[in-house]
Amino acid sequence: MPQDEVVRSQIGENLRFYGDMRFKQLTLLMAWLTLAGAAVVGCGTIELAASVKVRTLIACISMLFTGVLWVMEVRATLYWAAHFAKAPELWPPPKKSFWRLLTATNVVLFLYSGVYALWLWLGLAWCLSLWCGALFAVLLLALIVFSVKNYRLALTEKNQQS
C-alpha cells in the first residue's frame, strides 16, 4: 500500500475515533443526567449535614461533571477538525447556506451550556451558598469563553489554510 493511502487511511480512522468519542461523551452526559435526576427525585430532600441537602450536592457534582465532559468535547472536536483539514479533497466542504451556524458543534455547545446553567439555577434554588453559586457561575463563563475561543481559533486556522 503506498504511503499516501496509509496516511489517508489513518486520517479516516482518527476521524472515526474522535467522532465516536464525541458521541460517547454525549451518552455519558445523558446517563449522568438520568442518574442525577433519579437521585434528586428519590432522595433529594435528605440532609447530609446541617442545611446541606442531597439535591444541592447533586447539583454541584453535576456542574463539575458537565464541565469536565464539556472540555473533553471541545478538545475532541478540535482534534477531529485538525484531522478533517488534513485531507480536504476527501471531504469537500458543504455549500454555504443560511443555516451554516447551525452545526452539530454549535448545538452541542448550547446543550452543554444549557445543562450547566440548569444545574446552576437548580443549585441556587436549592439553597446553594451564594459564594459557591458565584464560583460555579464564573466557571460557566470560563467554559463558554474557552469554547468560543478554541472554536474561533480552529475556524481561523481553517480559513487561512483554504
C-alpha atoms as a PDB file:
ATOM      1  CA  MET A   1       0.000   0.000   0.000  1.00  0.00           C
ATOM      2  CA  PRO A   2       1.502   3.382  -0.958  1.00  0.00           C
ATOM      3  CA  GLN A   3       2.417   5.796   1.819  1.00  0.00           C
ATOM      4  CA  ASP A   4      -0.285   8.306   0.769  1.00  0.00           C
ATOM      5  CA  GLU A   5      -3.009   5.674   1.138  1.00  0.00           C
ATOM      6  CA  VAL A   6      -1.718   4.694   4.585  1.00  0.00           C
ATOM      7  CA  VAL A   7      -1.850   8.330   5.707  1.00  0.00           C
ATOM      8  CA  ARG A   8      -5.372   8.766   4.334  1.00  0.00           C
ATOM      9  CA  SER A   9      -6.485   5.553   5.988  1.00  0.00           C
ATOM     10  CA  GLN A  10      -5.076   6.715   9.328  1.00  0.00           C
ATOM     11  CA  ILE A  11      -6.781  10.099   8.927  1.00  0.00           C
ATOM     12  CA  GLY A  12     -10.070   8.290   8.326  1.00  0.00           C
ATOM     13  CA  GLU A  13      -9.542   6.125  11.407  1.00  0.00           C
ATOM     14  CA  ASN A  14      -8.731   9.176  13.524  1.00  0.00           C
ATOM     15  CA  LEU A  15     -11.838  10.976  12.262  1.00  0.00           C
ATOM     16  CA  ARG A  16     -13.940   7.964  13.158  1.00  0.00           C
ATOM     17  CA  PHE A  17     -12.303   7.749  16.597  1.00  0.00           C
ATOM     18  CA  TYR A  18     -12.921  11.400  17.504  1.00  0.00           C
ATOM     19  CA  GLY A  19     -16.456  11.336  16.089  1.00  0.00           C
ATOM     20  CA  ASP A  20     -17.181   8.221  18.128  1.00  0.00           C
ATOM     21  CA  MET A  21     -15.612   9.822  21.189  1.00  0.00           C
ATOM     22  CA  ARG A  22     -17.934  12.829  20.905  1.00  0.00           C
ATOM     23  CA  PHE A  23     -20.955  10.528  20.700  1.00  0.00           C
ATOM     24  CA  LYS A  24     -19.825   8.547  23.745  1.00  0.00           C
ATOM     25  CA  GLN A  25     -19.316  11.748  25.737  1.00  0.00           C
ATOM     26  CA  LEU A  26     -22.889  12.806  24.980  1.00  0.00           C
ATOM     27  CA  THR A  27     -24.049   9.348  26.029  1.00  0.00           C
ATOM     28  CA  LEU A  28     -22.199   9.723  29.341  1.00  0.00           C
ATOM     29  CA  LEU A  29     -23.795  13.142  29.867  1.00  0.00           C
ATOM     30  CA  MET A  30     -27.291  11.765  29.251  1.00  0.00           C
ATOM     31  CA  ALA A  31     -26.626   8.796  31.543  1.00  0.00           C
ATOM     32  CA  TRP A  32     -25.445  11.144  34.282  1.00  0.00           C
ATOM     33  CA  LEU A  33     -28.496  13.393  33.834  1.00  0.00           C
ATOM     34  CA  THR A  34     -30.740  10.356  34.190  1.00  0.00           C
ATOM     35  CA  LEU A  35     -28.917   9.135  37.291  1.00  0.00           C
ATOM     36  CA  ALA A  36     -28.806  12.601  38.880  1.00  0.00           C
ATOM     37  CA  GLY A  37     -32.485  13.211  38.120  1.00  0.00           C
ATOM     38  CA  ALA A  38     -33.443   9.892  39.694  1.00  0.00           C
ATOM     39  CA  ALA A  39     -31.326  10.673  42.763  1.00  0.00           C
ATOM     40  CA  VAL A  40     -32.915  14.113  43.154  1.00  0.00           C
ATOM     41  CA  VAL A  41     -36.420  12.663  42.899  1.00  0.00           C
ATOM     42  CA  GLY A  42     -35.655   9.671  45.116  1.00  0.00           C
ATOM     43  CA  CYS A  43     -33.682  11.195  47.963  1.00  0.00           C
ATOM     44  CA  GLY A  44     -33.146  14.862  47.171  1.00  0.00           C
ATOM     45  CA  THR A  45     -34.561  16.224  50.414  1.00  0.00           C
ATOM     46  CA  ILE A  46     -32.397  14.095  52.714  1.00  0.00           C
ATOM     47  CA  GLU A  47     -29.944  16.257  54.665  1.00  0.00           C
ATOM     48  CA  LEU A  48     -26.285  15.215  54.646  1.00  0.00           C
ATOM     49  CA  ALA A  49     -25.199  17.824  57.176  1.00  0.00           C
ATOM     50  CA  ALA A  50     -26.641  20.974  58.664  1.00  0.00           C
ATOM     51  CA  SER A  51     -28.653  22.579  55.848  1.00  0.00           C
ATOM     52  CA  VAL A  52     -26.885  20.620  53.070  1.00  0.00           C
ATOM     53  CA  LYS A  53     -29.350  18.507  51.149  1.00  0.00           C
ATOM     54  CA  VAL A  54     -28.528  15.677  48.754  1.00  0.00           C
ATOM     55  CA  ARG A  55     -30.034  17.570  45.817  1.00  0.00           C
ATOM     56  CA  THR A  56     -27.707  20.540  46.385  1.00  0.00           C
ATOM     57  CA  LEU A  57     -24.705  18.224  46.385  1.00  0.00           C
ATOM     58  CA  ILE A  58     -26.007  16.520  43.229  1.00  0.00           C
ATOM     59  CA  ALA A  59     -26.292  19.919  41.526  1.00  0.00           C
ATOM     60  CA  CYS A  60     -22.655  20.725  42.408  1.00  0.00           C
ATOM     61  CA  ILE A  61     -21.370  17.346  41.236  1.00  0.00           C
ATOM     62  CA  SER A  62     -23.448  17.651  38.061  1.00  0.00           C
ATOM     63  CA  MET A  63     -21.919  21.038  37.236  1.00  0.00           C
ATOM     64  CA  LEU A  64     -18.419  19.635  37.724  1.00  0.00           C
ATOM     65  CA  PHE A  65     -19.189  16.521  35.669  1.00  0.00           C
ATOM     66  CA  THR A  66     -20.772  18.607  32.897  1.00  0.00           C
ATOM     67  CA  GLY A  67     -17.755  20.925  32.905  1.00  0.00           C
ATOM     68  CA  VAL A  68     -15.307  18.040  32.535  1.00  0.00           C
ATOM     69  CA  LEU A  69     -17.294  16.484  29.682  1.00  0.00           C
ATOM     70  CA  TRP A  70     -17.623  19.919  28.071  1.00  0.00           C
ATOM     71  CA  VAL A  71     -13.829  20.389  27.994  1.00  0.00           C
ATOM     72  CA  MET A  72     -13.405  16.860  26.621  1.00  0.00           C
ATOM     73  CA  GLU A  73     -15.979  17.678  23.912  1.00  0.00           C
ATOM     74  CA  VAL A  74     -14.135  20.832  22.846  1.00  0.00           C
ATOM     75  CA  ARG A  75     -10.804  19.017  22.703  1.00  0.00           C
ATOM     76  CA  ALA A  76     -12.237  16.062  20.752  1.00  0.00           C
ATOM     77  CA  THR A  77     -13.879  18.482  18.310  1.00  0.00           C
ATOM     78  CA  LEU A  78     -10.613  20.334  17.756  1.00  0.00           C
ATOM     79  CA  TYR A  79      -8.690  17.117  17.148  1.00  0.00           C
ATOM     80  CA  TRP A  80     -11.414  15.935  14.768  1.00  0.00           C
ATOM     81  CA  ALA A  81     -11.286  19.251  12.868  1.00  0.00           C
ATOM     82  CA  ALA A  82      -7.485  19.101  12.647  1.00  0.00           C
ATOM     83  CA  HIS A  83      -7.635  15.654  11.044  1.00  0.00           C
ATOM     84  CA  PHE A  84     -10.522  16.702   8.800  1.00  0.00           C
ATOM     85  CA  ALA A  85      -8.423  19.590   7.465  1.00  0.00           C
ATOM     86  CA  LYS A  86      -5.560  17.251   6.505  1.00  0.00           C
ATOM     87  CA  ALA A  87      -7.492  15.633   3.662  1.00  0.00           C
ATOM     88  CA  PRO A  88      -9.870  18.262   2.246  1.00  0.00           C
ATOM     89  CA  GLU A  89     -10.079  16.541  -1.128  1.00  0.00           C
ATOM     90  CA  LEU A  90     -11.714  13.523   0.514  1.00  0.00           C
ATOM     91  CA  TRP A  91     -14.432  15.602   2.171  1.00  0.00           C
ATOM     92  CA  PRO A  92     -15.249  18.740   0.229  1.00  0.00           C
ATOM     93  CA  PRO A  93     -16.843  21.463   2.353  1.00  0.00           C
ATOM     94  CA  PRO A  94     -20.612  21.857   2.056  1.00  0.00           C
ATOM     95  CA  LYS A  95     -22.037  24.751   0.117  1.00  0.00           C
ATOM     96  CA  LYS A  96     -22.610  27.947   2.060  1.00  0.00           C
ATOM     97  CA  SER A  97     -26.113  28.172   3.418  1.00  0.00           C
ATOM     98  CA  PHE A  98     -28.299  30.342   5.582  1.00  0.00           C
ATOM     99  CA  TRP A  99     -28.060  27.724   8.344  1.00  0.00           C
ATOM    100  CA  ARG A 100     -24.255  27.461   8.411  1.00  0.00           C
ATOM    101  CA  LEU A 101     -24.144  28.410  12.110  1.00  0.00           C
ATOM    102  CA  LEU A 102     -26.494  25.546  12.956  1.00  0.00           C
ATOM    103  CA  THR A 103     -23.817  22.872  13.154  1.00  0.00           C
ATOM    104  CA  ALA A 104     -23.532  19.874  15.436  1.00  0.00           C
ATOM    105  CA  THR A 105     -20.629  21.567  17.212  1.00  0.00           C
ATOM    106  CA  ASN A 106     -22.646  24.704  17.971  1.00  0.00           C
ATOM    107  CA  VAL A 107     -25.713  22.729  19.027  1.00  0.00           C
ATOM    108  CA  VAL A 108     -23.628  20.638  21.430  1.00  0.00           C
ATOM    109  CA  LEU A 109     -22.064  23.843  22.803  1.00  0.00           C
ATOM    110  CA  PHE A 110     -25.564  25.165  23.528  1.00  0.00           C
ATOM    111  CA  LEU A 111     -26.551  21.815  25.037  1.00  0.00           C
ATOM    112  CA  TYR A 112     -23.620  21.768  27.460  1.00  0.00           C
ATOM    113  CA  SER A 113     -24.075  25.418  28.428  1.00  0.00           C
ATOM    114  CA  GLY A 114     -27.815  24.872  28.900  1.00  0.00           C
ATOM    115  CA  VAL A 115     -27.346  21.773  31.053  1.00  0.00           C
ATOM    116  CA  TYR A 116     -24.716  23.535  33.149  1.00  0.00           C
ATOM    117  CA  ALA A 117     -26.904  26.650  33.525  1.00  0.00           C
ATOM    118  CA  LEU A 118     -29.872  24.479  34.525  1.00  0.00           C
ATOM    119  CA  TRP A 119     -27.874  22.786  37.292  1.00  0.00           C
ATOM    120  CA  LEU A 120     -26.595  26.180  38.433  1.00  0.00           C
ATOM    121  CA  TRP A 121     -30.131  27.535  38.598  1.00  0.00           C
ATOM    122  CA  LEU A 122     -31.371  24.434  40.438  1.00  0.00           C
ATOM    123  CA  GLY A 123     -28.448  24.587  42.857  1.00  0.00           C
ATOM    124  CA  LEU A 124     -29.221  28.208  43.682  1.00  0.00           C
ATOM    125  CA  ALA A 125     -32.927  27.393  44.028  1.00  0.00           C
ATOM    126  CA  TRP A 126     -31.970  24.555  46.390  1.00  0.00           C
ATOM    127  CA  CYS A 127     -30.047  26.863  48.734  1.00  0.00           C
ATOM    128  CA  LEU A 128     -26.547  26.577  47.283  1.00  0.00           C
ATOM    129  CA  SER A 129     -24.456  29.175  49.097  1.00  0.00           C
ATOM    130  CA  LEU A 130     -24.033  32.448  47.247  1.00  0.00           C
ATOM    131  CA  TRP A 131     -20.234  32.261  47.080  1.00  0.00           C
ATOM    132  CA  CYS A 132     -20.390  28.711  45.748  1.00  0.00           C
ATOM    133  CA  GLY A 133     -23.002  29.749  43.186  1.00  0.00           C
ATOM    134  CA  ALA A 134     -20.806  32.667  42.127  1.00  0.00           C
ATOM    135  CA  LEU A 135     -17.842  30.309  41.742  1.00  0.00           C
ATOM    136  CA  PHE A 136     -19.870  27.948  39.541  1.00  0.00           C
ATOM    137  CA  ALA A 137     -21.185  30.923  37.520  1.00  0.00           C
ATOM    138  CA  VAL A 138     -17.614  32.100  36.891  1.00  0.00           C
ATOM    139  CA  LEU A 139     -16.730  28.552  35.831  1.00  0.00           C
ATOM    140  CA  LEU A 140     -19.666  28.606  33.383  1.00  0.00           C
ATOM    141  CA  LEU A 141     -18.427  31.854  31.856  1.00  0.00           C
ATOM    142  CA  ALA A 142     -14.880  30.457  31.679  1.00  0.00           C
ATOM    143  CA  LEU A 143     -16.141  27.344  29.865  1.00  0.00           C
ATOM    144  CA  ILE A 144     -18.081  29.450  27.357  1.00  0.00           C
ATOM    145  CA  VAL A 145     -15.050  31.680  26.701  1.00  0.00           C
ATOM    146  CA  PHE A 146     -12.809  28.596  26.421  1.00  0.00           C
ATOM    147  CA  SER A 147     -15.166  27.014  23.879  1.00  0.00           C
ATOM    148  CA  VAL A 148     -15.718  30.105  21.753  1.00  0.00           C
ATOM    149  CA  LYS A 149     -12.030  30.995  21.751  1.00  0.00           C
ATOM    150  CA  ASN A 150     -10.954  27.484  20.743  1.00  0.00           C
ATOM    151  CA  TYR A 151     -13.645  27.121  18.084  1.00  0.00           C
ATOM    152  CA  ARG A 152     -12.852  30.562  16.677  1.00  0.00           C
ATOM    153  CA  LEU A 153      -9.128  29.720  16.607  1.00  0.00           C
ATOM    154  CA  ALA A 154      -9.870  26.469  14.768  1.00  0.00           C
ATOM    155  CA  LEU A 155     -12.123  28.317  12.310  1.00  0.00           C
ATOM    156  CA  THR A 156      -9.460  30.986  11.712  1.00  0.00           C
ATOM    157  CA  GLU A 157      -6.813  28.334  11.033  1.00  0.00           C
ATOM    158  CA  LYS A 158      -9.182  26.535   8.659  1.00  0.00           C
ATOM    159  CA  ASN A 159      -9.868  29.740   6.719  1.00  0.00           C
ATOM    160  CA  GLN A 160      -6.135  30.509   6.482  1.00  0.00           C
ATOM    161  CA  GLN A 161      -5.436  27.070   5.001  1.00  0.00           C
ATOM    162  CA  SER A 162      -8.033  27.442   2.251  1.00  0.00           C
END
